[in-house]
Amino acid sequence: MAILIKNMDYYLHTNYNLPRTISGTVSPSVSDNAYNIVINGKLCREAQLHAFYHEIAHILCGHVDDPNVNMNDPAIEAEAEAAIPDAMNAVEPDAFCIT
């Protein structure tokens, strides 16, 4: 499903094969100007929601589109965590609709 956030499209997916150590991932879509957000389906809803906002924060911080950004860098992860309030304001309250 595509979610419109700040005039960009995001596709939200659930993956039950991710290890529990990975809450979510985000990557550019190869077919259009969208992003693919994958949330770990093994997590409780609260943890999934946190992962969703964390991945939106990576996009808002410009991490996903910068090839020089190492997404495993603790500073990058901390920056995304700090931007979660901005991510929460960037999406509609019902944008996260994984059931």
N, C-alpha and C. Protein backbone atom coordinates (compact mmCIF):
# COMPACT_ATOMS: atom_id res chain seq x y z
N MET A 1 0.84 -1.16 0.00
CA MET A 1 0.00 0.00 0.00
C MET A 1 0.90 1.23 0.00
N ALA A 2 0.58 2.22 -0.79
CA ALA A 2 1.35 3.46 -0.84
C ALA A 2 0.76 4.45 0.16
N ILE A 3 1.63 5.12 0.88
CA ILE A 3 1.21 6.13 1.85
C ILE A 3 1.81 7.45 1.41
N LEU A 4 0.98 8.47 1.30
CA LEU A 4 1.47 9.78 0.88
C LEU A 4 1.91 10.57 2.10
N ILE A 5 3.18 10.92 2.13
CA ILE A 5 3.73 11.72 3.22
C ILE A 5 4.58 12.82 2.61
N LYS A 6 4.21 14.05 2.87
CA LYS A 6 4.96 15.20 2.36
C LYS A 6 5.24 15.06 0.86
N ASN A 7 4.22 14.74 0.10
CA ASN A 7 4.28 14.65 -1.35
C ASN A 7 5.23 13.57 -1.88
N MET A 8 5.51 12.56 -1.06
CA MET A 8 6.29 11.42 -1.52
C MET A 8 5.54 10.15 -1.16
N ASP A 9 5.74 9.12 -1.96
CA ASP A 9 5.06 7.85 -1.71
C ASP A 9 5.95 6.90 -0.93
N TYR A 10 5.32 6.13 -0.05
CA TYR A 10 6.00 5.14 0.76
C TYR A 10 5.18 3.86 0.70
N TYR A 11 5.84 2.77 0.45
CA TYR A 11 5.18 1.47 0.46
C TYR A 11 5.53 0.77 1.76
N LEU A 12 4.51 0.34 2.47
CA LEU A 12 4.69 -0.27 3.78
C LEU A 12 4.47 -1.77 3.67
N HIS A 13 5.46 -2.53 4.12
CA HIS A 13 5.41 -3.98 4.06
C HIS A 13 5.71 -4.56 5.44
N THR A 14 5.19 -5.75 5.68
CA THR A 14 5.53 -6.51 6.89
C THR A 14 6.30 -7.74 6.46
N ASN A 15 7.38 -8.04 7.17
CA ASN A 15 8.19 -9.22 6.86
C ASN A 15 8.35 -10.03 8.15
N TYR A 16 7.88 -11.26 8.11
CA TYR A 16 7.97 -12.12 9.28
C TYR A 16 9.25 -12.94 9.29
N ASN A 17 10.10 -12.77 8.29
CA ASN A 17 11.36 -13.51 8.21
C ASN A 17 12.56 -12.73 8.72
N LEU A 18 12.36 -11.49 9.13
CA LEU A 18 13.46 -10.70 9.67
C LEU A 18 13.84 -11.21 11.06
N PRO A 19 15.12 -11.20 11.39
CA PRO A 19 15.48 -11.54 12.77
C PRO A 19 14.97 -10.47 13.73
N ARG A 20 14.73 -10.84 14.96
CA ARG A 20 14.20 -9.88 15.94
C ARG A 20 15.13 -8.70 16.17
N THR A 21 16.40 -8.84 15.83
CA THR A 21 17.35 -7.74 16.02
C THR A 21 17.15 -6.63 14.99
N ILE A 22 16.38 -6.89 13.96
CA ILE A 22 16.09 -5.87 12.93
C ILE A 22 14.62 -5.49 13.06
N SER A 23 14.38 -4.25 13.49
CA SER A 23 13.00 -3.79 13.66
C SER A 23 12.37 -3.39 12.34
N GLY A 24 13.19 -2.79 11.47
CA GLY A 24 12.68 -2.34 10.18
C GLY A 24 13.81 -1.89 9.28
N THR A 25 13.47 -1.70 8.03
CA THR A 25 14.43 -1.21 7.05
C THR A 25 13.71 -0.24 6.12
N VAL A 26 14.49 0.57 5.44
CA VAL A 26 13.93 1.46 4.43
C VAL A 26 14.91 1.53 3.27
N SER A 27 14.37 1.57 2.07
CA SER A 27 15.19 1.67 0.87
C SER A 27 14.40 2.37 -0.22
N PRO A 28 15.10 2.98 -1.17
CA PRO A 28 14.38 3.59 -2.29
C PRO A 28 13.74 2.51 -3.15
N SER A 29 12.59 2.78 -3.68
CA SER A 29 11.94 1.87 -4.61
C SER A 29 12.64 1.97 -5.95
N VAL A 30 12.85 0.86 -6.60
CA VAL A 30 13.56 0.88 -7.89
C VAL A 30 12.63 1.25 -9.04
N SER A 31 11.32 1.13 -8.85
CA SER A 31 10.40 1.36 -9.95
C SER A 31 9.82 2.77 -10.02
N ASP A 32 9.92 3.52 -8.94
CA ASP A 32 9.35 4.88 -8.93
C ASP A 32 10.07 5.72 -7.89
N ASN A 33 9.57 6.89 -7.64
CA ASN A 33 10.21 7.81 -6.68
C ASN A 33 9.65 7.60 -5.27
N ALA A 34 9.50 6.37 -4.88
CA ALA A 34 8.94 6.05 -3.58
C ALA A 34 10.01 5.38 -2.71
N TYR A 35 9.61 5.05 -1.50
CA TYR A 35 10.48 4.33 -0.57
C TYR A 35 9.75 3.07 -0.11
N ASN A 36 10.51 2.02 0.09
CA ASN A 36 9.96 0.79 0.65
C ASN A 36 10.33 0.73 2.13
N ILE A 37 9.32 0.66 2.97
CA ILE A 37 9.53 0.51 4.40
C ILE A 37 9.08 -0.90 4.77
N VAL A 38 9.98 -1.64 5.37
CA VAL A 38 9.69 -3.00 5.80
C VAL A 38 9.76 -3.04 7.32
N ILE A 39 8.70 -3.52 7.94
CA ILE A 39 8.61 -3.60 9.39
C ILE A 39 8.59 -5.07 9.79
N ASN A 40 9.30 -5.40 10.85
CA ASN A 40 9.38 -6.77 11.33
C ASN A 40 8.04 -7.20 11.91
N GLY A 41 7.43 -8.19 11.29
CA GLY A 41 6.12 -8.67 11.72
C GLY A 41 6.14 -9.46 13.00
N LYS A 42 7.31 -9.82 13.50
CA LYS A 42 7.41 -10.58 14.75
C LYS A 42 7.30 -9.68 15.97
N LEU A 43 7.42 -8.38 15.78
CA LEU A 43 7.41 -7.45 16.90
C LEU A 43 5.98 -7.12 17.33
N CYS A 44 5.83 -6.70 18.58
CA CYS A 44 4.51 -6.24 19.04
C CYS A 44 4.16 -4.95 18.30
N ARG A 45 2.89 -4.60 18.33
CA ARG A 45 2.43 -3.42 17.58
C ARG A 45 3.16 -2.15 18.01
N GLU A 46 3.42 -1.99 19.29
CA GLU A 46 4.11 -0.78 19.78
C GLU A 46 5.52 -0.69 19.18
N ALA A 47 6.22 -1.81 19.16
CA ALA A 47 7.57 -1.83 18.58
C ALA A 47 7.52 -1.62 17.07
N GLN A 48 6.49 -2.15 16.42
CA GLN A 48 6.33 -1.93 14.98
C GLN A 48 6.09 -0.46 14.68
N LEU A 49 5.27 0.18 15.48
CA LEU A 49 4.98 1.60 15.29
C LEU A 49 6.24 2.44 15.48
N HIS A 50 7.03 2.11 16.50
CA HIS A 50 8.29 2.81 16.72
C HIS A 50 9.22 2.62 15.51
N ALA A 51 9.31 1.40 15.01
CA ALA A 51 10.16 1.12 13.85
C ALA A 51 9.68 1.90 12.63
N PHE A 52 8.37 1.99 12.44
CA PHE A 52 7.81 2.75 11.31
C PHE A 52 8.25 4.22 11.38
N TYR A 53 8.08 4.84 12.53
CA TYR A 53 8.48 6.24 12.67
C TYR A 53 10.00 6.41 12.55
N HIS A 54 10.74 5.44 13.04
CA HIS A 54 12.20 5.49 12.91
C HIS A 54 12.61 5.47 11.44
N GLU A 55 11.97 4.62 10.64
CA GLU A 55 12.31 4.55 9.21
C GLU A 55 11.87 5.81 8.47
N ILE A 56 10.73 6.37 8.83
CA ILE A 56 10.30 7.66 8.25
C ILE A 56 11.33 8.73 8.61
N ALA A 57 11.84 8.70 9.83
CA ALA A 57 12.84 9.67 10.27
C ALA A 57 14.11 9.56 9.43
N HIS A 58 14.53 8.34 9.09
CA HIS A 58 15.69 8.18 8.21
C HIS A 58 15.46 8.91 6.89
N ILE A 59 14.26 8.78 6.35
CA ILE A 59 13.94 9.45 5.08
C ILE A 59 13.98 10.96 5.26
N LEU A 60 13.34 11.47 6.31
CA LEU A 60 13.30 12.91 6.54
C LEU A 60 14.69 13.49 6.79
N CYS A 61 15.58 12.71 7.39
CA CYS A 61 16.95 13.16 7.65
C CYS A 61 17.82 13.10 6.40
N GLY A 62 17.32 12.49 5.33
CA GLY A 62 18.09 12.39 4.09
C GLY A 62 19.06 11.22 4.08
N HIS A 63 18.94 10.33 5.04
CA HIS A 63 19.88 9.20 5.12
C HIS A 63 19.72 8.23 3.95
N VAL A 64 18.50 8.00 3.52
CA VAL A 64 18.23 6.97 2.52
C VAL A 64 18.76 7.37 1.15
N ASP A 65 18.68 8.63 0.84
CA ASP A 65 19.08 9.09 -0.49
C ASP A 65 20.56 9.46 -0.59
N ASP A 66 21.28 9.41 0.49
CA ASP A 66 22.70 9.76 0.49
C ASP A 66 23.54 8.49 0.45
N PRO A 67 24.21 8.21 -0.67
CA PRO A 67 24.99 6.98 -0.78
C PRO A 67 26.18 6.93 0.17
N ASN A 68 26.56 8.05 0.74
CA ASN A 68 27.70 8.09 1.66
C ASN A 68 27.31 7.80 3.11
N VAL A 69 26.02 7.65 3.37
CA VAL A 69 25.55 7.41 4.74
C VAL A 69 25.61 5.92 5.03
N ASN A 70 26.24 5.59 6.14
CA ASN A 70 26.28 4.21 6.63
C ASN A 70 25.15 4.06 7.64
N MET A 71 24.11 3.34 7.25
CA MET A 71 22.94 3.20 8.11
C MET A 71 23.24 2.40 9.38
N ASN A 72 24.40 1.77 9.46
CA ASN A 72 24.79 1.05 10.67
C ASN A 72 25.59 1.92 11.63
N ASP A 73 25.86 3.16 11.24
CA ASP A 73 26.61 4.09 12.08
C ASP A 73 25.73 4.50 13.27
N PRO A 74 26.20 4.32 14.49
CA PRO A 74 25.40 4.70 15.67
C PRO A 74 24.97 6.16 15.66
N ALA A 75 25.78 7.05 15.09
CA ALA A 75 25.40 8.47 15.03
C ALA A 75 24.20 8.67 14.10
N ILE A 76 24.16 7.92 13.02
CA ILE A 76 23.03 8.01 12.08
C ILE A 76 21.76 7.48 12.75
N GLU A 77 21.91 6.36 13.46
CA GLU A 77 20.77 5.80 14.18
C GLU A 77 20.27 6.77 15.25
N ALA A 78 21.19 7.43 15.94
CA ALA A 78 20.80 8.40 16.98
C ALA A 78 20.10 9.60 16.36
N GLU A 79 20.58 10.04 15.19
CA GLU A 79 19.93 11.16 14.50
C GLU A 79 18.50 10.79 14.10
N ALA A 80 18.31 9.58 13.62
CA ALA A 80 16.96 9.13 13.25
C ALA A 80 16.07 9.06 14.49
N GLU A 81 16.60 8.54 15.59
CA GLU A 81 15.81 8.47 16.82
C GLU A 81 15.39 9.87 17.27
N ALA A 82 16.30 10.83 17.16
CA ALA A 82 16.00 12.21 17.57
C ALA A 82 14.95 12.85 16.66
N ALA A 83 14.84 12.36 15.42
CA ALA A 83 13.90 12.94 14.46
C ALA A 83 12.54 12.25 14.48
N ILE A 84 12.34 11.30 15.37
CA ILE A 84 11.04 10.61 15.43
C ILE A 84 9.88 11.57 15.67
N PRO A 85 9.99 12.58 16.54
CA PRO A 85 8.86 13.52 16.66
C PRO A 85 8.51 14.20 15.34
N ASP A 86 9.51 14.54 14.54
CA ASP A 86 9.24 15.12 13.22
C ASP A 86 8.54 14.11 12.32
N ALA A 87 8.97 12.86 12.40
CA ALA A 87 8.34 11.81 11.60
C ALA A 87 6.88 11.63 12.00
N MET A 88 6.62 11.69 13.30
CA MET A 88 5.25 11.55 13.77
C MET A 88 4.36 12.67 13.26
N ASN A 89 4.94 13.86 13.10
CA ASN A 89 4.18 15.00 12.56
C ASN A 89 4.05 14.95 11.06
N ALA A 90 4.89 14.16 10.39
CA ALA A 90 4.90 14.13 8.93
C ALA A 90 3.88 13.16 8.35
N VAL A 91 3.35 12.28 9.17
CA VAL A 91 2.41 11.28 8.66
C VAL A 91 1.04 11.47 9.29
N GLU A 92 0.04 11.00 8.59
CA GLU A 92 -1.31 11.00 9.14
C GLU A 92 -1.37 9.98 10.28
N PRO A 93 -2.20 10.23 11.29
CA PRO A 93 -2.26 9.31 12.43
C PRO A 93 -2.58 7.87 12.05
N ASP A 94 -3.34 7.67 10.98
CA ASP A 94 -3.70 6.31 10.59
C ASP A 94 -2.82 5.76 9.47
N ALA A 95 -1.66 6.40 9.21
CA ALA A 95 -0.78 5.94 8.13
C ALA A 95 -0.21 4.57 8.41
N PHE A 96 0.00 4.25 9.66
CA PHE A 96 0.53 2.94 10.04
C PHE A 96 -0.64 2.01 10.24
N CYS A 97 -0.88 1.15 9.27
CA CYS A 97 -2.09 0.33 9.34
C CYS A 97 -1.79 -1.16 9.18
N ILE A 98 -0.64 -1.60 9.69
CA ILE A 98 -0.36 -3.03 9.70
C ILE A 98 -1.26 -3.66 10.74
N THR A 99 -1.91 -4.72 10.37
CA THR A 99 -2.81 -5.39 11.33
C THR A 99 -2.22 -6.71 11.77
